[in-house]
């Protein structure tokens, strides 16, 4: 029997049972692709990560990220949580993860005594934007009235920094009432091949200067709602910066409240030579430790 230790971490929170839970396998050598996918389905979390030796010895690790149904090129809370775990075991303050979407830089956060408290990651790609969507179609995804999707600042848009989302602004009073309609998501994915069959909606509403509330729905991928979505937070921060003349902007994003798992994602977006890039960070709390027997 093969034994594979794992840990679980609540990410983007400073309290246990808040934030977004993540399972991390710190040494996944010997696991097949099918076994990784099966383990991710067994944990039934939004993502599970598997740490492997890097292809380039100058890097820290190769990290593979699986949802319940498929492998991801990049995701936010899995990188923050994996950085928290590896930062604690290695003592390093800067980590470099090889992923499908590119190289992910992780800064490990510590308290005054040197204990690891969280991490900040840099999204692997600058902001890219693609197809725009009719607000009425977005409203249908979330069970809202078309007038409750705001398009004054920007149209709902497919945007990403390594893992794309449909990003749309909602009226503040409507955000908490949003309820994903799986059939509408399927119709959207079928009608727009550029979504790759994985329509994921990131709805947000402004909540004061430098603050937004957000919710993420991806029922076709098995995540009806996500408690904290770092890979959607970074394109949102970059997109909002692109609407201004500023060179840099910070944005705090609250998510997960409606699920009873409040999360706080701290983002920074900056203009650079290759476009707008963004970082996202937050706290982490360890929860479980065990092993999988295969």
Protein backbone atom coordinates (compact mmCIF):
# COMPACT_ATOMS: atom_id res chain seq x y z
CA UNK A 1 0.00 0.00 0.00
CA UNK A 2 1.28 3.47 -0.90
CA UNK A 3 0.81 6.25 1.64
CA UNK A 4 0.59 9.93 0.68
CA UNK A 5 0.51 12.53 3.48
CA UNK A 6 -1.75 15.55 3.03
CA UNK A 7 -2.72 18.67 4.92
CA UNK A 8 -5.77 20.90 4.60
CA UNK A 9 -5.64 24.65 4.96
CA UNK A 10 -8.30 27.35 5.12
CA UNK A 11 -7.12 30.10 2.75
CA UNK A 12 -7.82 33.85 2.70
CA UNK A 13 -8.81 33.91 6.35
CA UNK A 14 -7.33 34.28 9.83
CA UNK A 15 -9.75 31.89 11.49
CA UNK A 16 -10.35 28.17 11.19
CA UNK A 17 -13.45 27.17 9.20
CA UNK A 18 -13.46 30.46 7.32
CA UNK A 19 -12.00 31.17 3.90
CA UNK A 20 -11.64 28.58 1.16
CA UNK A 21 -10.47 25.08 2.17
CA UNK A 22 -7.65 23.44 0.24
CA UNK A 23 -6.02 19.99 0.37
CA UNK A 24 -2.27 19.87 -0.31
CA UNK A 25 -0.20 16.77 -1.06
CA UNK A 26 3.36 18.02 -0.34
CA UNK A 27 5.01 15.04 -2.06
CA UNK A 28 2.96 13.65 -4.95
CA UNK A 29 5.74 11.66 -6.60
CA UNK A 30 4.38 8.36 -7.91
CA UNK A 31 0.79 9.49 -8.30
CA UNK A 32 -0.70 9.12 -11.77
CA UNK A 33 -2.89 11.75 -13.40
CA UNK A 34 -5.93 9.56 -12.80
CA UNK A 35 -5.05 9.13 -9.13
CA UNK A 36 -4.65 12.87 -8.66
CA UNK A 37 -8.03 13.47 -10.24
CA UNK A 38 -9.61 10.73 -8.11
CA UNK A 39 -8.13 12.19 -4.92
CA UNK A 40 -9.41 15.66 -5.81
CA UNK A 41 -12.88 14.21 -6.36
CA UNK A 42 -12.62 12.33 -3.05
CA UNK A 43 -11.81 15.49 -1.10
CA UNK A 44 -14.66 17.26 -2.93
CA UNK A 45 -13.12 20.70 -2.40
CA UNK A 46 -12.96 23.41 -5.04
CA UNK A 47 -9.28 22.46 -5.61
CA UNK A 48 -6.57 20.08 -4.42
CA UNK A 49 -2.86 20.56 -5.13
CA UNK A 50 -0.11 18.03 -5.79
CA UNK A 51 3.52 19.07 -5.32
CA UNK A 52 6.20 17.54 -7.53
CA UNK A 53 9.92 18.23 -8.11
CA UNK A 54 10.51 21.18 -10.46
CA UNK A 55 11.66 20.69 -14.02
CA UNK A 56 14.10 23.58 -13.48
CA UNK A 57 16.18 23.15 -10.29
CA UNK A 58 16.20 26.94 -9.85
CA UNK A 59 12.48 26.72 -9.04
CA UNK A 60 10.84 25.43 -5.87
CA UNK A 61 8.33 22.91 -7.20
CA UNK A 62 5.96 21.92 -9.95
CA UNK A 63 2.43 22.31 -8.66
CA UNK A 64 -0.58 20.65 -10.25
CA UNK A 65 -4.05 21.88 -9.39
CA UNK A 66 -7.18 19.74 -9.76
CA UNK A 67 -10.83 20.59 -9.28
CA UNK A 68 -13.35 17.83 -8.70
CA UNK A 69 -13.52 17.33 -12.48
CA UNK A 70 -10.38 18.58 -14.25
CA UNK A 71 -6.88 20.04 -13.97
CA UNK A 72 -6.49 23.83 -13.81
CA UNK A 73 -3.73 25.85 -15.51
CA UNK A 74 -3.59 28.24 -12.55
CA UNK A 75 -5.70 29.12 -9.54
CA UNK A 76 -5.36 31.58 -6.69
CA UNK A 77 -6.20 30.03 -3.35
CA UNK A 78 -4.38 26.76 -4.22
CA UNK A 79 -1.17 28.71 -4.75
CA UNK A 80 -1.59 30.81 -1.61
CA UNK A 81 -2.34 27.70 0.46
CA UNK A 82 0.44 25.62 -1.08
CA UNK A 83 2.85 28.51 -0.51
CA UNK A 84 1.77 28.59 3.13
CA UNK A 85 2.42 24.86 3.53
CA UNK A 86 5.78 24.78 1.73
CA UNK A 87 6.92 28.03 3.32
CA UNK A 88 6.38 26.47 6.71
CA UNK A 89 8.29 23.29 5.89
CA UNK A 90 11.16 24.88 3.95
CA UNK A 91 11.72 28.13 5.79
CA UNK A 92 11.96 29.98 2.47
CA UNK A 93 10.31 33.37 2.04
CA UNK A 94 10.18 33.30 -1.77
CA UNK A 95 8.93 30.32 -3.77
CA UNK A 96 8.62 29.70 -7.51
CA UNK A 97 5.97 27.26 -8.71
CA UNK A 98 5.91 25.78 -12.21
CA UNK A 99 2.34 25.53 -13.50
CA UNK A 100 0.56 25.06 -16.82
CA UNK A 101 -0.13 28.81 -17.12
CA UNK A 102 3.46 29.75 -16.34
CA UNK A 103 5.74 30.49 -13.41
CA UNK A 104 4.00 31.64 -10.22
CA UNK A 105 6.01 33.67 -7.70
CA UNK A 106 4.94 33.27 -4.07
CA UNK A 107 5.93 35.54 -1.20
CA UNK A 108 5.56 33.84 2.18
CA UNK A 109 4.14 36.01 4.98
CA UNK A 110 5.35 35.57 8.57
CA UNK A 111 4.59 37.03 11.98
CA UNK A 112 7.12 38.64 14.31
CA UNK A 113 8.21 35.23 15.60
CA UNK A 114 8.79 33.83 12.11
CA UNK A 115 5.63 31.73 11.97
CA UNK A 116 3.97 31.49 8.58
CA UNK A 117 0.65 33.35 8.47
CA UNK A 118 -0.18 33.42 4.76
CA UNK A 119 1.18 34.19 1.32
CA UNK A 120 0.93 36.55 -1.63
CA UNK A 121 1.18 35.32 -5.21
CA UNK A 122 1.81 37.05 -8.51
CA UNK A 123 -0.52 35.92 -11.29
CA UNK A 124 1.53 34.32 -14.08
CA UNK A 125 0.18 36.44 -16.94
CA UNK A 126 -0.78 40.08 -17.54
CA UNK A 127 -4.44 40.96 -17.94
CA UNK A 128 -6.09 39.76 -21.13
CA UNK A 129 -9.67 40.52 -22.09
CA UNK A 130 -11.82 38.80 -24.65
CA UNK A 131 -15.47 38.46 -25.48
CA UNK A 132 -18.02 40.91 -24.09
CA UNK A 133 -21.47 39.71 -23.02
CA UNK A 134 -25.00 41.06 -22.95
CA UNK A 135 -25.94 42.04 -19.37
CA UNK A 136 -29.25 40.19 -19.81
CA UNK A 137 -27.41 36.92 -20.47
CA UNK A 138 -25.28 37.44 -17.36
CA UNK A 139 -28.36 38.22 -15.30
CA UNK A 140 -29.87 34.91 -16.42
CA UNK A 141 -26.81 33.03 -15.14
CA UNK A 142 -27.30 34.50 -11.67
CA UNK A 143 -31.08 34.61 -11.44
CA UNK A 144 -31.14 38.41 -11.43
CA UNK A 145 -33.02 41.08 -13.34
CA UNK A 146 -31.08 42.46 -16.34
CA UNK A 147 -31.20 45.94 -14.79
CA UNK A 148 -29.22 44.59 -11.81
CA UNK A 149 -26.15 43.93 -13.98
CA UNK A 150 -24.30 47.21 -14.39
CA UNK A 151 -22.48 48.01 -17.61
CA UNK A 152 -21.68 51.69 -17.08
CA UNK A 153 -18.01 51.19 -16.19
CA UNK A 154 -17.48 48.13 -18.38
CA UNK A 155 -19.46 45.46 -20.18
CA UNK A 156 -19.42 41.96 -18.69
CA UNK A 157 -16.18 40.59 -20.09
CA UNK A 158 -14.18 37.38 -20.30
CA UNK A 159 -10.90 38.32 -18.61
CA UNK A 160 -8.00 36.55 -16.97
CA UNK A 161 -4.44 36.58 -15.70
CA UNK A 162 -3.86 32.87 -16.20
CA UNK A 163 -7.36 31.45 -15.72
CA UNK A 164 -10.22 33.43 -17.31
CA UNK A 165 -13.61 34.34 -15.83
CA UNK A 166 -16.66 36.24 -16.96
CA UNK A 167 -16.38 39.36 -14.81
CA UNK A 168 -19.49 41.47 -14.29
CA UNK A 169 -20.57 44.24 -11.94
CA UNK A 170 -23.85 43.82 -10.06
CA UNK A 171 -25.95 46.26 -8.10
CA UNK A 172 -24.88 46.03 -4.43
CA UNK A 173 -28.36 45.09 -3.24
CA UNK A 174 -28.57 42.29 -5.83
CA UNK A 175 -25.28 40.54 -5.15
CA UNK A 176 -26.49 38.62 -2.08
CA UNK A 177 -29.58 37.42 -3.97
CA UNK A 178 -27.65 35.91 -6.87
CA UNK A 179 -28.40 32.22 -7.40
CA UNK A 180 -26.68 30.29 -10.20
CA UNK A 181 -28.85 28.64 -12.85
CA UNK A 182 -26.95 25.58 -14.11
CA UNK A 183 -29.06 25.29 -17.25
CA UNK A 184 -28.28 28.91 -18.14
CA UNK A 185 -24.58 28.25 -17.61
CA UNK A 186 -24.79 25.27 -19.97
CA UNK A 187 -26.54 27.37 -22.61
CA UNK A 188 -23.88 30.06 -22.24
CA UNK A 189 -21.03 27.55 -22.60
CA UNK A 190 -22.66 25.93 -25.64
CA UNK A 191 -23.26 29.29 -27.33
CA UNK A 192 -19.74 30.62 -26.73
CA UNK A 193 -17.03 28.08 -27.68
CA UNK A 194 -14.34 30.49 -26.50
CA UNK A 195 -15.33 29.67 -22.93
CA UNK A 196 -14.01 26.14 -23.38
CA UNK A 197 -17.12 24.61 -21.85
CA UNK A 198 -16.19 26.02 -18.43
CA UNK A 199 -18.25 29.16 -17.93
CA UNK A 200 -17.24 30.71 -14.60
CA UNK A 201 -18.93 33.91 -13.42
CA UNK A 202 -17.30 36.41 -11.05
CA UNK A 203 -19.88 38.94 -9.88
CA UNK A 204 -18.80 41.93 -7.84
CA UNK A 205 -20.25 45.08 -6.31
CA UNK A 206 -18.44 48.14 -5.01
CA UNK A 207 -18.39 48.46 -1.21
CA UNK A 208 -16.60 51.76 -0.63
CA UNK A 209 -13.24 53.14 -1.79
CA UNK A 210 -10.81 50.34 -2.55
CA UNK A 211 -13.26 47.63 -1.52
CA UNK A 212 -15.62 45.26 -3.32
CA UNK A 213 -17.77 42.28 -2.43
CA UNK A 214 -17.68 39.34 -4.83
CA UNK A 215 -19.17 35.92 -5.54
CA UNK A 216 -18.00 33.24 -7.97
CA UNK A 217 -20.18 30.59 -9.60
CA UNK A 218 -18.90 27.69 -11.73
CA UNK A 219 -21.55 24.94 -11.58
CA UNK A 220 -20.35 23.24 -14.77
CA UNK A 221 -17.02 22.56 -13.07
CA UNK A 222 -18.62 21.20 -9.91
CA UNK A 223 -18.24 24.41 -7.89
CA UNK A 224 -21.70 25.86 -7.46
CA UNK A 225 -20.13 28.70 -5.45
CA UNK A 226 -16.56 29.35 -4.36
CA UNK A 227 -15.67 30.90 -1.02
CA UNK A 228 -12.58 32.77 -2.29
CA UNK A 229 -11.25 32.93 -5.85
CA UNK A 230 -7.77 34.39 -6.14
CA UNK A 231 -7.47 33.76 -9.87
CA UNK A 232 -10.61 35.86 -10.41
CA UNK A 233 -9.51 38.54 -7.94
CA UNK A 234 -6.37 39.32 -9.93
CA UNK A 235 -8.08 40.00 -13.28
CA UNK A 236 -10.76 42.02 -11.48
CA UNK A 237 -8.10 44.21 -9.85
CA UNK A 238 -6.29 44.58 -13.17
CA UNK A 239 -9.50 45.32 -15.06
CA UNK A 240 -10.54 48.06 -12.65
CA UNK A 241 -7.08 49.62 -12.86
CA UNK A 242 -7.35 49.59 -16.67
CA UNK A 243 -10.40 51.85 -16.41
CA UNK A 244 -8.31 54.59 -14.74
CA UNK A 245 -5.16 56.58 -15.45
CA UNK A 246 -3.44 55.31 -12.30
CA UNK A 247 -0.25 53.25 -12.44
CA UNK A 248 -1.13 51.12 -9.40
CA UNK A 249 -4.17 50.31 -7.29
CA UNK A 250 -4.96 48.22 -4.24
CA UNK A 251 -8.27 46.45 -3.81
CA UNK A 252 -9.65 44.45 -0.89
CA UNK A 253 -12.20 41.83 -1.91
CA UNK A 254 -14.67 40.22 0.50
CA UNK A 255 -16.08 36.90 -0.64
CA UNK A 256 -17.73 33.81 0.84
CA UNK A 257 -20.03 35.65 3.25
CA UNK A 258 -23.19 34.14 1.76
CA UNK A 259 -21.66 30.66 2.19
CA UNK A 260 -20.80 31.21 5.85
CA UNK A 261 -17.07 31.16 4.99
CA UNK A 262 -16.02 34.84 4.99
CA UNK A 263 -12.81 35.51 3.10
CA UNK A 264 -10.59 38.53 2.52
CA UNK A 265 -8.40 38.76 -0.59
CA UNK A 266 -5.86 41.60 -0.76
CA UNK A 267 -4.92 42.56 -4.32
CA UNK A 268 -2.55 44.98 -5.99
CA UNK A 269 -2.54 45.75 -9.72
CA UNK A 270 0.31 47.57 -11.48
CA UNK A 271 0.95 48.80 -15.01
CA UNK A 272 4.15 47.50 -16.58
CA UNK A 273 5.94 47.12 -19.87
CA UNK A 274 3.90 44.05 -20.82
CA UNK A 275 0.53 45.23 -19.55
CA UNK A 276 -1.24 45.17 -16.20
CA UNK A 277 -0.19 42.51 -13.73
CA UNK A 278 -1.68 41.74 -10.34
CA UNK A 279 -0.96 40.02 -7.05
CA UNK A 280 -3.32 38.51 -4.49
CA UNK A 281 -2.64 37.49 -0.93
CA UNK A 282 -4.21 36.58 2.36
CA UNK A 283 -3.99 34.64 5.57
CA UNK A 284 -4.08 30.86 6.01
CA UNK A 285 -4.97 28.54 8.88
CA UNK A 286 -4.05 24.82 9.03
CA UNK A 287 -6.94 22.48 9.81
CA UNK A 288 -6.36 18.76 9.09
CA UNK A 289 -3.42 16.43 8.61
CA UNK A 290 -3.52 12.80 7.46
CA UNK A 291 -2.60 10.40 4.70
CA UNK A 292 -4.24 8.82 1.68
CA UNK A 293 -3.76 5.07 1.27
CA UNK A 294 -3.62 3.82 -2.31
